[in-house]
Amino acid sequence: SLRLATGPATYAFSRTVNSVPLVVA
């Protein structure tokens, strides 16, 4: 029964991350 919220994306979950992995593409 799980649903994923729609609408404008929120990136609050990444507010405290100062670097993330990157792929060559």
PDB file of all heavy atoms in Angstrom:
ATOM      1  N   SER A   1       0.809  -1.216   0.000  1.00  0.00           N
ATOM      2  CA  SER A   1       0.000   0.000   0.000  1.00  0.00           C
ATOM      3  C   SER A   1       0.847   1.272   0.000  1.00  0.00           C
ATOM      4  O   SER A   1       0.309   2.379   0.128  1.00  0.00           O
ATOM      5  CB  SER A   1      -0.928   0.016   1.224  1.00  0.00           C
ATOM      6  OG  SER A   1      -0.186  -0.047   2.420  1.00  0.00           O
ATOM      7  N   LEU A   2       2.146   1.140  -0.171  1.00  0.00           N
ATOM      8  CA  LEU A   2       3.039   2.286  -0.082  1.00  0.00           C
ATOM      9  C   LEU A   2       2.877   3.207  -1.288  1.00  0.00           C
ATOM     10  O   LEU A   2       2.736   2.757  -2.425  1.00  0.00           O
ATOM     11  CB  LEU A   2       4.486   1.809   0.004  1.00  0.00           C
ATOM     12  CG  LEU A   2       5.511   2.744   0.675  1.00  0.00           C
ATOM     13  CD1 LEU A   2       5.087   3.075   2.099  1.00  0.00           C
ATOM     14  CD2 LEU A   2       6.885   2.096   0.662  1.00  0.00           C
ATOM     15  N   ARG A   3       2.894   4.502  -1.021  1.00  0.00           N
ATOM     16  CA  ARG A   3       2.760   5.516  -2.077  1.00  0.00           C
ATOM     17  C   ARG A   3       3.891   6.532  -1.974  1.00  0.00           C
ATOM     18  O   ARG A   3       4.402   6.804  -0.883  1.00  0.00           O
ATOM     19  CB  ARG A   3       1.401   6.236  -1.958  1.00  0.00           C
ATOM     20  CG  ARG A   3       0.210   5.345  -2.292  1.00  0.00           C
ATOM     21  CD  ARG A   3      -1.113   6.047  -2.035  1.00  0.00           C
ATOM     22  NE  ARG A   3      -2.244   5.239  -2.479  1.00  0.00           N
ATOM     23  CZ  ARG A   3      -2.806   5.313  -3.682  1.00  0.00           C
ATOM     24  NH1 ARG A   3      -2.350   6.215  -4.564  1.00  0.00           N
ATOM     25  NH2 ARG A   3      -3.814   4.535  -4.009  1.00  0.00           N
ATOM     26  N   LEU A   4       4.258   7.088  -3.130  1.00  0.00           N
ATOM     27  CA  LEU A   4       5.334   8.071  -3.203  1.00  0.00           C
ATOM     28  C   LEU A   4       4.727   9.436  -3.508  1.00  0.00           C
ATOM     29  O   LEU A   4       3.966   9.586  -4.471  1.00  0.00           O
ATOM     30  CB  LEU A   4       6.334   7.687  -4.297  1.00  0.00           C
ATOM     31  CG  LEU A   4       7.573   8.568  -4.452  1.00  0.00           C
ATOM     32  CD1 LEU A   4       8.443   8.481  -3.211  1.00  0.00           C
ATOM     33  CD2 LEU A   4       8.368   8.139  -5.691  1.00  0.00           C
ATOM     34  N   ALA A   5       5.058  10.428  -2.697  1.00  0.00           N
ATOM     35  CA  ALA A   5       4.500  11.761  -2.860  1.00  0.00           C
ATOM     36  C   ALA A   5       4.851  12.335  -4.225  1.00  0.00           C
ATOM     37  O   ALA A   5       5.950  12.124  -4.746  1.00  0.00           O
ATOM     38  CB  ALA A   5       5.017  12.681  -1.759  1.00  0.00           C
ATOM     39  N   THR A   6       3.916  13.039  -4.825  1.00  0.00           N
ATOM     40  CA  THR A   6       4.137  13.693  -6.107  1.00  0.00           C
ATOM     41  C   THR A   6       4.219  15.207  -5.892  1.00  0.00           C
ATOM     42  O   THR A   6       4.046  15.695  -4.788  1.00  0.00           O
ATOM     43  CB  THR A   6       3.001  13.371  -7.084  1.00  0.00           C
ATOM     44  OG1 THR A   6       1.744  13.756  -6.492  1.00  0.00           O
ATOM     45  CG2 THR A   6       2.966  11.885  -7.395  1.00  0.00           C
ATOM     46  N   GLY A   7       4.467  15.930  -6.953  1.00  0.00           N
ATOM     47  CA  GLY A   7       4.596  17.373  -6.832  1.00  0.00           C
ATOM     48  C   GLY A   7       6.052  17.782  -6.884  1.00  0.00           C
ATOM     49  O   GLY A   7       6.937  16.968  -7.174  1.00  0.00           O
ATOM     50  N   PRO A   8       6.345  19.050  -6.595  1.00  0.00           N
ATOM     51  CA  PRO A   8       7.724  19.542  -6.634  1.00  0.00           C
ATOM     52  C   PRO A   8       8.636  18.715  -5.747  1.00  0.00           C
ATOM     53  O   PRO A   8       8.279  18.366  -4.615  1.00  0.00           O
ATOM     54  CB  PRO A   8       7.593  20.988  -6.118  1.00  0.00           C
ATOM     55  CG  PRO A   8       6.173  21.359  -6.399  1.00  0.00           C
ATOM     56  CD  PRO A   8       5.380  20.100  -6.217  1.00  0.00           C
ATOM     57  N   ALA A   9       9.811  18.379  -6.270  1.00  0.00           N
ATOM     58  CA  ALA A   9      10.753  17.560  -5.506  1.00  0.00           C
ATOM     59  C   ALA A   9      11.291  18.331  -4.311  1.00  0.00           C
ATOM     60  O   ALA A   9      11.538  19.533  -4.376  1.00  0.00           O
ATOM     61  CB  ALA A   9      11.904  17.127  -6.404  1.00  0.00           C
ATOM     62  N   THR A  10      11.441  17.642  -3.202  1.00  0.00           N
ATOM     63  CA  THR A  10      12.074  18.235  -2.033  1.00  0.00           C
ATOM     64  C   THR A  10      13.368  17.494  -1.752  1.00  0.00           C
ATOM     65  O   THR A  10      13.412  16.251  -1.787  1.00  0.00           O
ATOM     66  CB  THR A  10      11.160  18.186  -0.797  1.00  0.00           C
ATOM     67  OG1 THR A  10      11.902  18.671   0.346  1.00  0.00           O
ATOM     68  CG2 THR A  10      10.669  16.783  -0.510  1.00  0.00           C
ATOM     69  N   TYR A  11      14.422  18.241  -1.503  1.00  0.00           N
ATOM     70  CA  TYR A  11      15.736  17.649  -1.280  1.00  0.00           C
ATOM     71  C   TYR A  11      16.216  17.888   0.142  1.00  0.00           C
ATOM     72  O   TYR A  11      17.422  17.886   0.409  1.00  0.00           O
ATOM     73  CB  TYR A  11      16.738  18.228  -2.274  1.00  0.00           C
ATOM     74  CG  TYR A  11      16.381  17.937  -3.716  1.00  0.00           C
ATOM     75  CD1 TYR A  11      15.750  18.879  -4.507  1.00  0.00           C
ATOM     76  CD2 TYR A  11      16.670  16.690  -4.272  1.00  0.00           C
ATOM     77  CE1 TYR A  11      15.410  18.604  -5.822  1.00  0.00           C
ATOM     78  CE2 TYR A  11      16.339  16.410  -5.584  1.00  0.00           C
ATOM     79  CZ  TYR A  11      15.708  17.365  -6.354  1.00  0.00           C
ATOM     80  OH  TYR A  11      15.367  17.074  -7.659  1.00  0.00           O
ATOM     81  N   ALA A  12      15.261  18.076   1.053  1.00  0.00           N
ATOM     82  CA  ALA A  12      15.623  18.319   2.447  1.00  0.00           C
ATOM     83  C   ALA A  12      16.465  17.180   3.016  1.00  0.00           C
ATOM     84  O   ALA A  12      17.305  17.408   3.898  1.00  0.00           O
ATOM     85  CB  ALA A  12      14.358  18.509   3.289  1.00  0.00           C
ATOM     86  N   PHE A  13      16.264  15.975   2.504  1.00  0.00           N
ATOM     87  CA  PHE A  13      16.999  14.811   3.010  1.00  0.00           C
ATOM     88  C   PHE A  13      18.510  14.938   2.766  1.00  0.00           C
ATOM     89  O   PHE A  13      19.302  14.232   3.394  1.00  0.00           O
ATOM     90  CB  PHE A  13      16.477  13.527   2.348  1.00  0.00           C
ATOM     91  CG  PHE A  13      16.629  13.495   0.858  1.00  0.00           C
ATOM     92  CD1 PHE A  13      17.799  13.071   0.260  1.00  0.00           C
ATOM     93  CD2 PHE A  13      15.582  13.898   0.038  1.00  0.00           C
ATOM     94  CE1 PHE A  13      17.934  13.050  -1.122  1.00  0.00           C
ATOM     95  CE2 PHE A  13      15.700  13.880  -1.347  1.00  0.00           C
ATOM     96  CZ  PHE A  13      16.887  13.459  -1.929  1.00  0.00           C
ATOM     97  N   SER A  14      18.920  15.811   1.845  1.00  0.00           N
ATOM     98  CA  SER A  14      20.343  15.934   1.511  1.00  0.00           C
ATOM     99  C   SER A  14      20.948  17.236   2.026  1.00  0.00           C
ATOM    100  O   SER A  14      22.077  17.571   1.653  1.00  0.00           O
ATOM    101  CB  SER A  14      20.530  15.852  -0.008  1.00  0.00           C
ATOM    102  OG  SER A  14      19.898  16.934  -0.657  1.00  0.00           O
ATOM    103  N   ARG A  15      20.247  17.948   2.878  1.00  0.00           N
ATOM    104  CA  ARG A  15      20.708  19.264   3.318  1.00  0.00           C
ATOM    105  C   ARG A  15      22.011  19.183   4.101  1.00  0.00           C
ATOM    106  O   ARG A  15      22.786  20.139   4.132  1.00  0.00           O
ATOM    107  CB  ARG A  15      19.624  19.943   4.161  1.00  0.00           C
ATOM    108  CG  ARG A  15      19.920  21.412   4.475  1.00  0.00           C
ATOM    109  CD  ARG A  15      18.842  22.028   5.353  1.00  0.00           C
ATOM    110  NE  ARG A  15      17.563  22.060   4.666  1.00  0.00           N
ATOM    111  CZ  ARG A  15      16.409  21.688   5.198  1.00  0.00           C
ATOM    112  NH1 ARG A  15      16.385  21.204   6.434  1.00  0.00           N
ATOM    113  NH2 ARG A  15      15.289  21.772   4.525  1.00  0.00           N
ATOM    114  N   THR A  16      22.268  18.065   4.764  1.00  0.00           N
ATOM    115  CA  THR A  16      23.465  17.956   5.605  1.00  0.00           C
ATOM    116  C   THR A  16      24.560  17.098   4.972  1.00  0.00           C
ATOM    117  O   THR A  16      25.453  16.608   5.654  1.00  0.00           O
ATOM    118  CB  THR A  16      23.102  17.367   6.978  1.00  0.00           C
ATOM    119  OG1 THR A  16      22.514  16.074   6.805  1.00  0.00           O
ATOM    120  CG2 THR A  16      22.128  18.272   7.716  1.00  0.00           C
ATOM    121  N   VAL A  17      24.512  16.943   3.654  1.00  0.00           N
ATOM    122  CA  VAL A  17      25.530  16.157   2.941  1.00  0.00           C
ATOM    123  C   VAL A  17      26.378  17.109   2.102  1.00  0.00           C
ATOM    124  O   VAL A  17      25.853  17.802   1.233  1.00  0.00           O
ATOM    125  CB  VAL A  17      24.875  15.097   2.030  1.00  0.00           C
ATOM    126  CG1 VAL A  17      25.942  14.330   1.273  1.00  0.00           C
ATOM    127  CG2 VAL A  17      24.027  14.143   2.858  1.00  0.00           C
ATOM    128  N   ASN A  18      27.679  17.176   2.363  1.00  0.00           N
ATOM    129  CA  ASN A  18      28.503  18.148   1.636  1.00  0.00           C
ATOM    130  C   ASN A  18      29.254  17.546   0.446  1.00  0.00           C
ATOM    131  O   ASN A  18      29.991  18.255  -0.240  1.00  0.00           O
ATOM    132  CB  ASN A  18      29.485  18.846   2.583  1.00  0.00           C
ATOM    133  CG  ASN A  18      30.646  17.954   2.986  1.00  0.00           C
ATOM    134  OD1 ASN A  18      30.548  16.735   2.943  1.00  0.00           O
ATOM    135  ND2 ASN A  18      31.745  18.566   3.383  1.00  0.00           N
ATOM    136  N   SER A  19      29.048  16.263   0.174  1.00  0.00           N
ATOM    137  CA  SER A  19      29.603  15.642  -1.031  1.00  0.00           C
ATOM    138  C   SER A  19      28.842  14.345  -1.297  1.00  0.00           C
ATOM    139  O   SER A  19      28.350  13.706  -0.361  1.00  0.00           O
ATOM    140  CB  SER A  19      31.096  15.349  -0.876  1.00  0.00           C
ATOM    141  OG  SER A  19      31.326  14.348   0.094  1.00  0.00           O
ATOM    142  N   VAL A  20      28.754  13.985  -2.583  1.00  0.00           N
ATOM    143  CA  VAL A  20      28.097  12.730  -2.956  1.00  0.00           C
ATOM    144  C   VAL A  20      28.867  12.098  -4.111  1.00  0.00           C
ATOM    145  O   VAL A  20      29.540  12.795  -4.881  1.00  0.00           O
ATOM    146  CB  VAL A  20      26.621  12.940  -3.378  1.00  0.00           C
ATOM    147  CG1 VAL A  20      25.788  13.426  -2.214  1.00  0.00           C
ATOM    148  CG2 VAL A  20      26.513  13.880  -4.558  1.00  0.00           C
ATOM    149  N   PRO A  21      28.780  10.775  -4.257  1.00  0.00           N
ATOM    150  CA  PRO A  21      29.443  10.102  -5.373  1.00  0.00           C
ATOM    151  C   PRO A  21      28.907  10.575  -6.723  1.00  0.00           C
ATOM    152  O   PRO A  21      27.756  11.004  -6.843  1.00  0.00           O
ATOM    153  CB  PRO A  21      29.105   8.626  -5.126  1.00  0.00           C
ATOM    154  CG  PRO A  21      28.821   8.533  -3.668  1.00  0.00           C
ATOM    155  CD  PRO A  21      28.146   9.820  -3.323  1.00  0.00           C
ATOM    156  N   LEU A  22      29.755  10.464  -7.726  1.00  0.00           N
ATOM    157  CA  LEU A  22      29.408  10.864  -9.085  1.00  0.00           C
ATOM    158  C   LEU A  22      29.832   9.765 -10.036  1.00  0.00           C
ATOM    159  O   LEU A  22      30.862   9.119  -9.830  1.00  0.00           O
ATOM    160  CB  LEU A  22      30.136  12.165  -9.444  1.00  0.00           C
ATOM    161  CG  LEU A  22      29.675  12.894 -10.702  1.00  0.00           C
ATOM    162  CD1 LEU A  22      28.345  13.604 -10.433  1.00  0.00           C
ATOM    163  CD2 LEU A  22      30.724  13.913 -11.145  1.00  0.00           C
ATOM    164  N   VAL A  23      29.045   9.533 -11.083  1.00  0.00           N
ATOM    165  CA  VAL A  23      29.426   8.557 -12.105  1.00  0.00           C
ATOM    166  C   VAL A  23      29.934   9.305 -13.334  1.00  0.00           C
ATOM    167  O   VAL A  23      29.618  10.480 -13.551  1.00  0.00           O
ATOM    168  CB  VAL A  23      28.253   7.622 -12.482  1.00  0.00           C
ATOM    169  CG1 VAL A  23      27.889   6.737 -11.291  1.00  0.00           C
ATOM    170  CG2 VAL A  23      27.036   8.415 -12.962  1.00  0.00           C
ATOM    171  N   VAL A  24      30.726   8.611 -14.151  1.00  0.00           N
ATOM    172  CA  VAL A  24      31.406   9.279 -15.265  1.00  0.00           C
ATOM    173  C   VAL A  24      30.435   9.888 -16.268  1.00  0.00           C
ATOM    174  O   VAL A  24      30.763  10.895 -16.910  1.00  0.00           O
ATOM    175  CB  VAL A  24      32.366   8.307 -15.977  1.00  0.00           C
ATOM    176  CG1 VAL A  24      33.567   7.998 -15.094  1.00  0.00           C
ATOM    177  CG2 VAL A  24      31.655   7.026 -16.391  1.00  0.00           C
ATOM    178  N   ALA A  25      29.248   9.311 -16.413  1.00  0.00           N
ATOM    179  CA  ALA A  25      28.275   9.851 -17.354  1.00  0.00           C
ATOM    180  C   ALA A  25      27.833  11.254 -16.972  1.00  0.00           C
ATOM    181  O   ALA A  25      27.275  11.985 -17.806  1.00  0.00           O
ATOM    182  CB  ALA A  25      27.055   8.931 -17.430  1.00  0.00           C
TER     183      ALA A  25
END
